[in-house]
């Protein structure tokens, strides 16, 4: 049996506001049917509306003591990166064991996570990050980043609309027509396209910015007006169709090209990411200063540092009269849909990783090689090594 002899641990997520969980009763049953034992922390699924009784019915063992769960498990399945657990007074990394496998979103290149990644490495944990999964056909069913980006783009548009002090659609009233809001979406990947579609449904006038011609065409097909950046395609497009990390001179040219569009927008939704690297700064302080008071920015890319120079991770701040939303777990605000998608993604990823009851770190497998962060005390993730100046 594929998972014979292995113990999977599913702790409750502890990031404030995070309601997702790494396994559903449906995915637990699949692990158990494959020969695994699954430990789920008591109350772990309540935020996504899954009861302890449902997990037990699927074959899981519900564990009240999270330290016991970390101690007994061979593989830890999580949604978000390890954090300090205030209930037990310990960091989740400190509860982990040498040789233990961790599968989650680590966003290892983000500066806020560097210390945690160093500690994971020193602990001897084998850590794999789901945001490192490549965009290839074989990995589509494992691609949690795409799944969560769908949720994040949808919810980001609603969050911005909720904060905006004016109507989003054009409204006809007895005193005349009130014009629609202007929404600019930076980055027309999965999250950006969903944000565009949602903003259009809400009745906004929508602009889209993406340095990749094909992505811009997708945005145009949804009714967005395309803002030209002037970035040559050979510089813009990287492996798998993702955006490449641009040289600084081209970043400055992009900032200049989008300046007028950004400052005239009522809402800016920023989703531009470079896989395994820091998110590019595209919205400068100067732009924010020039925006109309009451405007709103939602920085979906904050897990990798953010696209806005002023975004504070995990907080909503106001600067120059503009609200800047750095919420770090937007998909966690839509827990039922996001957990169902995430649990299927992580089961498929684990199924590729584990053969005959053994975790197989096969570096010839592109999926594993690109998502491996650290193993046997060595930090191997290229983007993180670059961010730490180790290359």
Foldseek 3Di string as FASTA:
>chain_A
DQAAPFEEEWEADDDPLFQFTQAALVLLLVNVVVHYAYEYEAPRNVSLPGHPVSNVVSPYHYDPDVLVRQVPGQEYEGAEAWQQDPVVRGTVLVSHAANREYEYAQLLLAPVRVVVLLSNLQRNYFYFHLLLFAQDPVQPQQNLVLLLLLLLLLLLLVVQCVLFPDQQAWDQDPVGIDHHFEEEEEDQDSSRLNNLLNSVVSHHQYAYEAQAPVSQVSSVVSPHHYQDQPRDNVQFADPRRAGADHDPVSLVSSLVSCLVVLQAGLEYEYDRDDRLAAGAQNAEPVSLLSHDQRGEYEFQSVSRPTNHPPDDACDWDADNNYIYHRNPRSSSNVHNSSNVSSNSSVSSVVSVQTGPSDGHQDCVPSRSVSGTQHHRSDGDHPNNCVSVVND
